[in-house]
C-alpha atoms as a PDB file:
ATOM      1  CA  MET A   1      77.480 144.984 210.158  1.00  0.00           C
ATOM      2  CA  THR A   2      79.471 147.989 211.313  1.00  0.00           C
ATOM      3  CA  VAL A   3      82.336 149.487 209.360  1.00  0.00           C
ATOM      4  CA  ASP A   4      85.255 151.174 211.047  1.00  0.00           C
ATOM      5  CA  ALA A   5      85.126 154.917 210.316  1.00  0.00           C
ATOM      6  CA  SER A   6      88.901 155.077 210.284  1.00  0.00           C
ATOM      7  CA  SER A   7      89.110 152.706 207.322  1.00  0.00           C
ATOM      8  CA  PRO A   8      90.627 154.335 204.240  1.00  0.00           C
ATOM      9  CA  SER A   9      88.310 155.608 201.545  1.00  0.00           C
ATOM     10  CA  ALA A  10      88.148 153.986 198.144  1.00  0.00           C
ATOM     11  CA  ILE A  11      90.806 155.082 195.654  1.00  0.00           C
ATOM     12  CA  ASP A  12      89.543 156.607 192.435  1.00  0.00           C
ATOM     13  CA  ALA A  13      92.137 155.053 190.119  1.00  0.00           C
ATOM     14  CA  VAL A  14      92.571 156.567 186.662  1.00  0.00           C
ATOM     15  CA  PRO A  15      94.071 154.160 184.141  1.00  0.00           C
ATOM     16  CA  LEU A  16      97.337 155.270 182.595  1.00  0.00           C
ATOM     17  CA  ARG A  17      97.004 156.097 178.917  1.00  0.00           C
ATOM     18  CA  HIS A  18      99.521 154.841 176.375  1.00  0.00           C
ATOM     19  CA  PRO A  19      99.004 156.764 173.124  1.00  0.00           C
ATOM     20  CA  TRP A  20     102.230 155.483 171.572  1.00  0.00           C
ATOM     21  CA  ARG A  21     100.924 151.948 171.735  1.00  0.00           C
ATOM     22  CA  TRP A  22      98.095 152.911 169.411  1.00  0.00           C
ATOM     23  CA  VAL A  23     100.521 154.692 167.093  1.00  0.00           C
ATOM     24  CA  ALA A  24     102.766 151.620 166.948  1.00  0.00           C
ATOM     25  CA  ALA A  25      99.770 149.335 166.350  1.00  0.00           C
ATOM     26  CA  ILE A  26      98.514 151.520 163.484  1.00  0.00           C
ATOM     27  CA  VAL A  27     101.962 151.601 161.872  1.00  0.00           C
ATOM     28  CA  ILE A  28     102.269 147.803 162.093  1.00  0.00           C
ATOM     29  CA  VAL A  29      98.794 147.265 160.623  1.00  0.00           C
ATOM     30  CA  VAL A  30      99.552 149.611 157.730  1.00  0.00           C
ATOM     31  CA  LEU A  31     102.847 147.844 156.993  1.00  0.00           C
ATOM     32  CA  VAL A  32     101.173 144.434 157.058  1.00  0.00           C
ATOM     33  CA  VAL A  33      98.390 145.603 154.725  1.00  0.00           C
ATOM     34  CA  LEU A  34     100.937 147.070 152.315  1.00  0.00           C
ATOM     35  CA  PHE A  35     102.953 143.851 152.324  1.00  0.00           C
ATOM     36  CA  LEU A  36      99.883 141.690 151.699  1.00  0.00           C
ATOM     37  CA  TYR A  37      98.708 143.954 148.896  1.00  0.00           C
ATOM     38  CA  GLY A  38     102.139 143.917 147.279  1.00  0.00           C
ATOM     39  CA  ALA A  39     102.371 140.121 147.516  1.00  0.00           C
ATOM     40  CA  ALA A  40      98.842 139.658 146.143  1.00  0.00           C
ATOM     41  CA  THR A  41      99.576 141.825 143.092  1.00  0.00           C
ATOM     42  CA  ASN A  42     103.071 140.418 142.453  1.00  0.00           C
ATOM     43  CA  GLU A  43     102.938 137.942 139.569  1.00  0.00           C
ATOM     44  CA  ALA A  44     106.272 136.391 140.617  1.00  0.00           C
ATOM     45  CA  TYR A  45     104.490 134.600 143.456  1.00  0.00           C
ATOM     46  CA  GLY A  46     102.530 132.531 140.937  1.00  0.00           C
ATOM     47  CA  TRP A  47      99.216 132.557 142.735  1.00  0.00           C
ATOM     48  CA  ALA A  48      97.495 130.598 139.968  1.00  0.00           C
ATOM     49  CA  THR A  49     100.021 127.782 140.345  1.00  0.00           C
ATOM     50  CA  TYR A  50      99.669 128.007 144.124  1.00  0.00           C
ATOM     51  CA  ARG A  51      95.894 127.500 143.941  1.00  0.00           C
ATOM     52  CA  LYS A  52      96.324 124.688 141.439  1.00  0.00           C
ATOM     53  CA  TYR A  53      98.654 122.577 143.555  1.00  0.00           C
ATOM     54  CA  LEU A  54      97.502 123.486 147.077  1.00  0.00           C
ATOM     55  CA  PHE A  55      95.198 120.465 147.258  1.00  0.00           C
ATOM     56  CA  ASP A  56      96.972 118.314 144.700  1.00  0.00           C
ATOM     57  CA  GLU A  57      96.855 114.599 145.555  1.00  0.00           C
ATOM     58  CA  ARG A  58     100.655 114.338 145.506  1.00  0.00           C
ATOM     59  CA  ILE A  59     100.960 117.184 148.011  1.00  0.00           C
ATOM     60  CA  SER A  60      98.321 115.759 150.352  1.00  0.00           C
ATOM     61  CA  ALA A  61      99.973 112.328 150.137  1.00  0.00           C
ATOM     62  CA  GLY A  62     103.294 113.972 150.995  1.00  0.00           C
ATOM     63  CA  ALA A  63     101.675 115.673 153.987  1.00  0.00           C
ATOM     64  CA  TRP A  64     100.427 112.290 155.194  1.00  0.00           C
ATOM     65  CA  TYR A  65     103.951 110.839 154.932  1.00  0.00           C
ATOM     66  CA  THR A  66     105.226 113.855 156.883  1.00  0.00           C
ATOM     67  CA  ILE A  67     102.716 113.230 159.675  1.00  0.00           C
ATOM     68  CA  GLN A  68     103.679 109.546 159.809  1.00  0.00           C
ATOM     69  CA  LEU A  69     107.384 110.381 159.987  1.00  0.00           C
ATOM     70  CA  THR A  70     106.724 112.916 162.750  1.00  0.00           C
ATOM     71  CA  VAL A  71     104.603 110.618 164.909  1.00  0.00           C
ATOM     72  CA  LEU A  72     106.787 107.523 164.515  1.00  0.00           C
ATOM     73  CA  SER A  73     109.983 109.478 165.141  1.00  0.00           C
ATOM     74  CA  MET A  74     108.591 111.110 168.293  1.00  0.00           C
ATOM     75  CA  VAL A  75     107.258 107.789 169.644  1.00  0.00           C
ATOM     76  CA  LEU A  76     110.722 106.279 169.216  1.00  0.00           C
ATOM     77  CA  ALA A  77     112.351 109.404 170.667  1.00  0.00           C
ATOM     78  CA  VAL A  78     110.128 109.491 173.768  1.00  0.00           C
ATOM     79  CA  ALA A  79     110.539 105.759 174.478  1.00  0.00           C
ATOM     80  CA  LEU A  80     114.313 105.877 174.078  1.00  0.00           C
ATOM     81  CA  GLY A  81     114.468 109.250 175.861  1.00  0.00           C
ATOM     82  CA  VAL A  82     112.822 107.780 178.978  1.00  0.00           C
ATOM     83  CA  LEU A  83     115.357 104.948 178.990  1.00  0.00           C
ATOM     84  CA  LEU A  84     118.289 107.337 178.566  1.00  0.00           C
ATOM     85  CA  ALA A  85     116.946 109.670 181.274  1.00  0.00           C
ATOM     86  CA  VAL A  86     116.695 106.784 183.735  1.00  0.00           C
ATOM     87  CA  MET A  87     120.220 105.727 182.804  1.00  0.00           C
ATOM     88  CA  ARG A  88     121.485 109.276 183.404  1.00  0.00           C
ATOM     89  CA  LEU A  89     119.848 109.301 186.844  1.00  0.00           C
ATOM     90  CA  SER A  90     121.028 105.793 187.686  1.00  0.00           C
ATOM     91  CA  PRO A  91     123.797 105.352 190.288  1.00  0.00           C
ATOM     92  CA  ASN A  92     125.329 102.727 187.970  1.00  0.00           C
ATOM     93  CA  PRO A  93     128.426 104.381 186.402  1.00  0.00           C
ATOM     94  CA  VAL A  94     128.243 102.139 183.325  1.00  0.00           C
ATOM     95  CA  PHE A  95     124.666 103.203 182.525  1.00  0.00           C
ATOM     96  CA  LYS A  96     125.503 106.857 183.145  1.00  0.00           C
ATOM     97  CA  SER A  97     128.562 106.665 180.875  1.00  0.00           C
ATOM     98  CA  VAL A  98     126.702 104.929 178.040  1.00  0.00           C
ATOM     99  CA  ALA A  99     123.885 107.488 178.187  1.00  0.00           C
ATOM    100  CA  TRP A 100     126.357 110.385 178.279  1.00  0.00           C
ATOM    101  CA  VAL A 101     128.246 109.082 175.225  1.00  0.00           C
ATOM    102  CA  TYR A 102     124.968 108.635 173.319  1.00  0.00           C
ATOM    103  CA  LEU A 103     123.935 112.223 174.070  1.00  0.00           C
ATOM    104  CA  TRP A 104     127.414 113.493 173.212  1.00  0.00           C
ATOM    105  CA  ILE A 105     127.369 111.871 169.763  1.00  0.00           C
ATOM    106  CA  PHE A 106     123.794 112.575 168.697  1.00  0.00           C
ATOM    107  CA  ARG A 107     123.661 116.135 170.037  1.00  0.00           C
ATOM    108  CA  GLY A 108     127.147 116.941 168.789  1.00  0.00           C
ATOM    109  CA  THR A 109     126.618 116.091 165.107  1.00  0.00           C
ATOM    110  CA  PRO A 110     124.127 117.661 162.652  1.00  0.00           C
ATOM    111  CA  VAL A 111     120.958 115.699 162.045  1.00  0.00           C
ATOM    112  CA  TYR A 112     121.458 116.046 158.279  1.00  0.00           C
ATOM    113  CA  VAL A 113     124.843 114.307 158.522  1.00  0.00           C
ATOM    114  CA  GLN A 114     123.287 111.544 160.610  1.00  0.00           C
ATOM    115  CA  LEU A 115     120.536 111.045 158.024  1.00  0.00           C
ATOM    116  CA  VAL A 116     123.145 110.778 155.262  1.00  0.00           C
ATOM    117  CA  PHE A 117     124.856 107.984 157.201  1.00  0.00           C
ATOM    118  CA  TRP A 118     121.530 106.223 157.724  1.00  0.00           C
ATOM    119  CA  GLY A 119     120.936 106.423 153.987  1.00  0.00           C
ATOM    120  CA  LEU A 120     124.306 104.729 153.456  1.00  0.00           C
ATOM    121  CA  VAL A 121     123.481 101.793 155.762  1.00  0.00           C
ATOM    122  CA  PRO A 122     122.512  99.480 152.843  1.00  0.00           C
ATOM    123  CA  THR A 123     125.875 100.319 151.269  1.00  0.00           C
ATOM    124  CA  LEU A 124     127.907  99.920 154.454  1.00  0.00           C
ATOM    125  CA  TYR A 125     126.121  96.741 155.521  1.00  0.00           C
ATOM    126  CA  LYS A 126     124.940  94.978 152.385  1.00  0.00           C
ATOM    127  CA  ASN A 127     124.203  91.697 154.136  1.00  0.00           C
ATOM    128  CA  ILE A 128     123.126  90.947 157.694  1.00  0.00           C
ATOM    129  CA  GLN A 129     123.803  87.390 158.902  1.00  0.00           C
ATOM    130  CA  LEU A 130     123.019  85.735 162.213  1.00  0.00           C
ATOM    131  CA  GLY A 131     124.253  82.307 163.132  1.00  0.00           C
ATOM    132  CA  VAL A 132     126.703  80.216 165.085  1.00  0.00           C
ATOM    133  CA  PRO A 133     130.259  81.649 165.123  1.00  0.00           C
ATOM    134  CA  PHE A 134     132.365  79.721 162.610  1.00  0.00           C
ATOM    135  CA  GLY A 135     129.296  77.621 161.982  1.00  0.00           C
ATOM    136  CA  PRO A 136     126.124  77.612 159.896  1.00  0.00           C
ATOM    137  CA  SER A 137     124.189  80.795 159.187  1.00  0.00           C
ATOM    138  CA  LEU A 138     120.700  80.862 160.686  1.00  0.00           C
ATOM    139  CA  PHE A 139     119.473  84.140 159.236  1.00  0.00           C
ATOM    140  CA  HIS A 140     120.481  86.132 156.170  1.00  0.00           C
ATOM    141  CA  LEU A 141     119.150  89.483 154.962  1.00  0.00           C
ATOM    142  CA  ASN A 142     120.251  91.513 151.944  1.00  0.00           C
ATOM    143  CA  LEU A 143     119.517  95.155 152.737  1.00  0.00           C
ATOM    144  CA  GLN A 144     120.056  96.288 149.162  1.00  0.00           C
ATOM    145  CA  ASP A 145     117.093  94.176 148.052  1.00  0.00           C
ATOM    146  CA  LEU A 146     114.761  95.954 150.473  1.00  0.00           C
ATOM    147  CA  SER A 147     113.010  99.317 150.186  1.00  0.00           C
ATOM    148  CA  ILE A 148     113.662 100.590 153.697  1.00  0.00           C
ATOM    149  CA  ASN A 149     114.232 104.309 153.091  1.00  0.00           C
ATOM    150  CA  PHE A 150     111.099 105.265 155.045  1.00  0.00           C
ATOM    151  CA  THR A 151     112.195 103.102 157.983  1.00  0.00           C
ATOM    152  CA  LEU A 152     115.726 104.528 157.895  1.00  0.00           C
ATOM    153  CA  ALA A 153     114.278 108.050 157.792  1.00  0.00           C
ATOM    154  CA  PHE A 154     112.146 107.821 160.939  1.00  0.00           C
ATOM    155  CA  VAL A 155     114.754 105.743 162.794  1.00  0.00           C
ATOM    156  CA  GLY A 156     117.395 108.370 162.034  1.00  0.00           C
ATOM    157  CA  LEU A 157     115.122 111.194 163.160  1.00  0.00           C
ATOM    158  CA  GLY A 158     113.966 109.312 166.257  1.00  0.00           C
ATOM    159  CA  LEU A 159     117.460 108.406 167.450  1.00  0.00           C
ATOM    160  CA  ASN A 160     118.603 111.997 167.070  1.00  0.00           C
ATOM    161  CA  GLU A 161     115.568 113.395 168.873  1.00  0.00           C
ATOM    162  CA  ALA A 162     115.932 110.854 171.700  1.00  0.00           C
ATOM    163  CA  ALA A 163     119.075 112.635 172.852  1.00  0.00           C
ATOM    164  CA  TYR A 164     117.110 115.851 173.378  1.00  0.00           C
ATOM    165  CA  MET A 165     114.066 114.129 174.877  1.00  0.00           C
ATOM    166  CA  ALA A 166     116.301 112.382 177.406  1.00  0.00           C
ATOM    167  CA  GLU A 167     117.429 115.722 178.805  1.00  0.00           C
ATOM    168  CA  ILE A 168     113.868 117.089 178.835  1.00  0.00           C
ATOM    169  CA  ILE A 169     112.557 114.050 180.721  1.00  0.00           C
ATOM    170  CA  ARG A 170     115.519 114.054 183.104  1.00  0.00           C
ATOM    171  CA  ALA A 171     114.912 117.723 183.889  1.00  0.00           C
ATOM    172  CA  GLY A 172     111.218 117.049 184.491  1.00  0.00           C
ATOM    173  CA  ILE A 173     111.875 114.162 186.893  1.00  0.00           C
ATOM    174  CA  SER A 174     114.587 116.122 188.700  1.00  0.00           C
ATOM    175  CA  SER A 175     112.200 119.073 189.172  1.00  0.00           C
ATOM    176  CA  VAL A 176     109.973 117.022 191.509  1.00  0.00           C
ATOM    177  CA  PRO A 177     111.153 117.417 195.123  1.00  0.00           C
ATOM    178  CA  GLU A 178     112.596 114.268 196.683  1.00  0.00           C
ATOM    179  CA  GLY A 179     110.160 114.665 199.550  1.00  0.00           C
ATOM    180  CA  GLN A 180     107.338 113.644 197.215  1.00  0.00           C
ATOM    181  CA  SER A 181     108.955 110.267 196.580  1.00  0.00           C
ATOM    182  CA  GLU A 182     109.806 109.833 200.254  1.00  0.00           C
ATOM    183  CA  ALA A 183     106.211 110.584 201.274  1.00  0.00           C
ATOM    184  CA  SER A 184     104.882 108.093 198.736  1.00  0.00           C
ATOM    185  CA  THR A 185     107.276 105.429 199.990  1.00  0.00           C
ATOM    186  CA  ALA A 186     106.179 106.135 203.554  1.00  0.00           C
ATOM    187  CA  LEU A 187     102.580 105.528 202.467  1.00  0.00           C
ATOM    188  CA  GLY A 188     103.575 102.077 201.223  1.00  0.00           C
ATOM    189  CA  MET A 189     103.712 102.806 197.484  1.00  0.00           C
ATOM    190  CA  SER A 190     106.093 100.795 195.332  1.00  0.00           C
ATOM    191  CA  TRP A 191     108.676 102.515 193.104  1.00  0.00           C
ATOM    192  CA  SER A 192     106.581 102.039 189.963  1.00  0.00           C
ATOM    193  CA  MET A 193     103.445 103.332 191.687  1.00  0.00           C
ATOM    194  CA  THR A 194     105.376 106.304 193.066  1.00  0.00           C
ATOM    195  CA  MET A 195     106.618 107.180 189.591  1.00  0.00           C
ATOM    196  CA  ARG A 196     103.179 106.688 188.022  1.00  0.00           C
ATOM    197  CA  ARG A 197     101.039 108.483 190.606  1.00  0.00           C
ATOM    198  CA  THR A 198     103.355 111.007 192.227  1.00  0.00           C
ATOM    199  CA  VAL A 199     106.502 111.851 190.274  1.00  0.00           C
ATOM    200  CA  LEU A 200     105.462 111.668 186.622  1.00  0.00           C
ATOM    201  CA  PRO A 201     102.171 113.633 186.973  1.00  0.00           C
ATOM    202  CA  GLN A 202     104.121 116.506 188.524  1.00  0.00           C
ATOM    203  CA  ALA A 203     107.040 116.116 186.129  1.00  0.00           C
ATOM    204  CA  MET A 204     104.681 116.329 183.153  1.00  0.00           C
ATOM    205  CA  ARG A 205     104.123 120.022 183.893  1.00  0.00           C
ATOM    206  CA  VAL A 206     107.798 120.537 183.075  1.00  0.00           C
ATOM    207  CA  ILE A 207     108.026 117.904 180.319  1.00  0.00           C
ATOM    208  CA  ILE A 208     104.965 118.744 178.193  1.00  0.00           C
ATOM    209  CA  PRO A 209     105.818 122.306 176.994  1.00  0.00           C
ATOM    210  CA  PRO A 210     109.308 121.498 175.609  1.00  0.00           C
ATOM    211  CA  THR A 211     108.060 118.161 174.267  1.00  0.00           C
ATOM    212  CA  GLY A 212     105.346 119.983 172.333  1.00  0.00           C
ATOM    213  CA  ASN A 213     107.980 122.299 170.907  1.00  0.00           C
ATOM    214  CA  GLU A 214     110.123 119.300 169.936  1.00  0.00           C
ATOM    215  CA  PHE A 215     107.109 117.666 168.262  1.00  0.00           C
ATOM    216  CA  ILE A 216     106.515 120.769 166.171  1.00  0.00           C
ATOM    217  CA  SER A 217     110.219 121.040 165.416  1.00  0.00           C
ATOM    218  CA  MET A 218     110.249 117.390 164.309  1.00  0.00           C
ATOM    219  CA  LEU A 219     107.455 118.121 161.846  1.00  0.00           C
ATOM    220  CA  LYS A 220     109.709 120.626 160.087  1.00  0.00           C
ATOM    221  CA  THR A 221     112.850 118.509 160.460  1.00  0.00           C
ATOM    222  CA  THR A 222     111.225 115.811 158.307  1.00  0.00           C
ATOM    223  CA  SER A 223     112.070 118.011 155.322  1.00  0.00           C
ATOM    224  CA  LEU A 224     115.692 116.833 155.770  1.00  0.00           C
ATOM    225  CA  VAL A 225     114.932 113.157 155.068  1.00  0.00           C
ATOM    226  CA  THR A 226     115.801 113.811 151.423  1.00  0.00           C
ATOM    227  CA  ALA A 227     119.321 113.031 152.671  1.00  0.00           C
ATOM    228  CA  VAL A 228     118.374 109.362 153.227  1.00  0.00           C
ATOM    229  CA  PRO A 229     117.072 109.684 150.428  1.00  0.00           C
ATOM    230  CA  PHE A 230     113.306 109.708 150.921  1.00  0.00           C
ATOM    231  CA  SER A 231     111.417 112.250 148.836  1.00  0.00           C
ATOM    232  CA  LEU A 232     107.784 111.220 149.287  1.00  0.00           C
ATOM    233  CA  GLU A 233     107.196 113.584 152.213  1.00  0.00           C
ATOM    234  CA  LEU A 234     105.709 117.064 151.857  1.00  0.00           C
ATOM    235  CA  TYR A 235     108.797 119.095 151.014  1.00  0.00           C
ATOM    236  CA  GLY A 236     110.161 116.382 148.719  1.00  0.00           C
ATOM    237  CA  ARG A 237     106.912 116.252 146.734  1.00  0.00           C
ATOM    238  CA  ALA A 238     106.759 120.034 146.425  1.00  0.00           C
ATOM    239  CA  ARG A 239     110.394 120.152 145.304  1.00  0.00           C
ATOM    240  CA  ASP A 240     109.844 117.424 142.690  1.00  0.00           C
ATOM    241  CA  ILE A 241     106.805 119.198 141.234  1.00  0.00           C
ATOM    242  CA  SER A 242     108.603 122.553 141.136  1.00  0.00           C
ATOM    243  CA  GLY A 243     111.515 120.891 139.345  1.00  0.00           C
ATOM    244  CA  VAL A 244     109.155 119.788 136.573  1.00  0.00           C
ATOM    245  CA  ILE A 245     107.179 123.002 136.084  1.00  0.00           C
ATOM    246  CA  PHE A 246     110.138 125.321 136.922  1.00  0.00           C
ATOM    247  CA  GLU A 247     108.115 127.361 139.440  1.00  0.00           C
ATOM    248  CA  PRO A 248     109.739 126.909 142.865  1.00  0.00           C
ATOM    249  CA  ILE A 249     108.154 129.900 144.633  1.00  0.00           C
ATOM    250  CA  PRO A 250     104.462 128.862 144.493  1.00  0.00           C
ATOM    251  CA  LEU A 251     105.341 125.263 145.427  1.00  0.00           C
ATOM    252  CA  LEU A 252     107.371 126.480 148.393  1.00  0.00           C
ATOM    253  CA  MET A 253     104.339 128.470 149.526  1.00  0.00           C
ATOM    254  CA  VAL A 254     102.161 125.377 149.093  1.00  0.00           C
ATOM    255  CA  ALA A 255     104.494 123.382 151.340  1.00  0.00           C
ATOM    256  CA  ALA A 256     104.659 126.255 153.850  1.00  0.00           C
ATOM    257  CA  THR A 257     100.843 126.432 153.975  1.00  0.00           C
ATOM    258  CA  TRP A 258     100.573 122.733 154.771  1.00  0.00           C
ATOM    259  CA  TYR A 259     103.291 122.973 157.412  1.00  0.00           C
ATOM    260  CA  LEU A 260     101.479 125.914 159.021  1.00  0.00           C
ATOM    261  CA  ALA A 261      98.149 124.065 159.008  1.00  0.00           C
ATOM    262  CA  ILE A 262      99.578 120.936 160.638  1.00  0.00           C
ATOM    263  CA  THR A 263     101.595 122.988 163.126  1.00  0.00           C
ATOM    264  CA  SER A 264      98.472 124.908 164.126  1.00  0.00           C
ATOM    265  CA  VAL A 265      96.673 121.660 164.950  1.00  0.00           C
ATOM    266  CA  LEU A 266      99.651 120.476 167.002  1.00  0.00           C
ATOM    267  CA  MET A 267      99.759 123.776 168.894  1.00  0.00           C
ATOM    268  CA  VAL A 268      96.094 123.420 169.848  1.00  0.00           C
ATOM    269  CA  GLY A 269      96.763 119.899 171.116  1.00  0.00           C
ATOM    270  CA  GLN A 270      99.759 121.149 173.091  1.00  0.00           C
ATOM    271  CA  PHE A 271      97.625 123.872 174.697  1.00  0.00           C
ATOM    272  CA  TYR A 272      95.044 121.409 175.992  1.00  0.00           C
ATOM    273  CA  LEU A 273      97.721 118.971 177.194  1.00  0.00           C
ATOM    274  CA  GLU A 274      99.462 121.733 179.135  1.00  0.00           C
ATOM    275  CA  ARG A 275      96.160 122.819 180.667  1.00  0.00           C
ATOM    276  CA  TYR A 276      95.338 119.237 181.641  1.00  0.00           C
ATOM    277  CA  PHE A 277      98.650 118.575 183.371  1.00  0.00           C
ATOM    278  CA  SER A 278      98.751 121.988 185.043  1.00  0.00           C
ATOM    279  CA  ARG A 279      95.614 121.234 187.077  1.00  0.00           C
ATOM    280  CA  GLY A 280      96.222 121.949 190.730  1.00  0.00           C
ATOM    281  CA  ALA A 281      99.264 124.091 189.983  1.00  0.00           C
ATOM    282  CA  SER A 282      97.397 127.228 188.928  1.00  0.00           C
ATOM    283  CA  ARG A 283      97.308 130.128 191.377  1.00  0.00           C
ATOM    284  CA  LYS A 284      93.993 131.353 189.938  1.00  0.00           C
ATOM    285  CA  LEU A 285      91.240 131.261 192.544  1.00  0.00           C
ATOM    286  CA  THR A 286      87.869 129.658 191.938  1.00  0.00           C
ATOM    287  CA  SER A 287      84.575 131.492 192.515  1.00  0.00           C
ATOM    288  CA  LYS A 288      84.063 129.782 195.891  1.00  0.00           C
ATOM    289  CA  GLN A 289      87.573 130.677 196.981  1.00  0.00           C
ATOM    290  CA  LEU A 290      86.987 134.297 195.953  1.00  0.00           C
ATOM    291  CA  GLU A 291      83.726 134.396 197.965  1.00  0.00           C
ATOM    292  CA  ALA A 292      85.472 132.969 201.028  1.00  0.00           C
ATOM    293  CA  LEU A 293      88.304 135.481 200.665  1.00  0.00           C
ATOM    294  CA  ALA A 294      85.836 138.378 200.391  1.00  0.00           C
ATOM    295  CA  ALA A 295      83.962 137.168 203.463  1.00  0.00           C
ATOM    296  CA  ALA A 296      87.218 136.917 205.417  1.00  0.00           C
ATOM    297  CA  GLN A 297      88.192 140.443 204.432  1.00  0.00           C
ATOM    298  CA  THR A 298      84.759 141.752 205.470  1.00  0.00           C
ATOM    299  CA  ILE A 299      85.125 140.149 208.903  1.00  0.00           C
ATOM    300  CA  GLY A 300      88.575 141.671 209.242  1.00  0.00           C
ATOM    301  CA  ILE A 301      87.269 145.174 208.521  1.00  0.00           C
ATOM    302  CA  GLY A 302      84.064 145.126 210.555  1.00  0.00           C
ATOM    303  CA  GLY A 303      85.234 142.936 213.373  1.00  0.00           C
ATOM    304  CA  HIS A 304      82.079 140.721 213.268  1.00  0.00           C
ATOM    305  CA  PRO A 305      79.587 139.833 210.556  1.00  0.00           C
END
């Protein structure tokens, strides 16, 4: 192989030094160490109480209720969000109007206020009756005789979150070029197959990251279900215990530790989901592609191998 003598010589690049970055890093580390030392030696934090209740059965049971509320609420939100997104994209003006009004109401009012109203459902509607108009009653249910606070809590959270999920899903579907659907139709795919094999896999790259953020946000929003009222979740249990022993700070840290632990697990799951659905979209070259690119550049410089 011959190399053109007129080719430029290799550049001896010297990396640019950034001494102020090291200074800033050292200052931050020192401040963090000082804060941790001060917190560890501050008796007001109640570290003994913190260690005592960190793995208390009531706290772990509350964490389990929190996980259930989060999962059930997000399942309801995603299912209803898909329906609302399709309605928003539908050419039917009635569907579009109904979906728009739903989003306007549930995104325009605080979730805490909505949960208060859901908690008042047994008071507003004491009895539910189904039957023939002006005739016999076929079904009768007294809501005040039922313990449905848990159900009202996740339904209230799910209906509120559905308004946000609808916009996320709509944005994801709209991000896929129309040519993809047209090409699939030209290949003989049905609408459902086109959505399942062409549109949704590409839309998931846009849908997954904000959905993961909403899932994590829902985990923390469950602390508001005390408005229903439902106090068996994590924050409610920690608040009840602190009200008995009159030590709110260590119990708040216990709840925060559990929230951080669960959130960390969810973030790991979100990372792998994003990596799975981003396959084929990465611009990072594989080893074979890099070898082929190097070979092509060598041919371009020498003329022939």
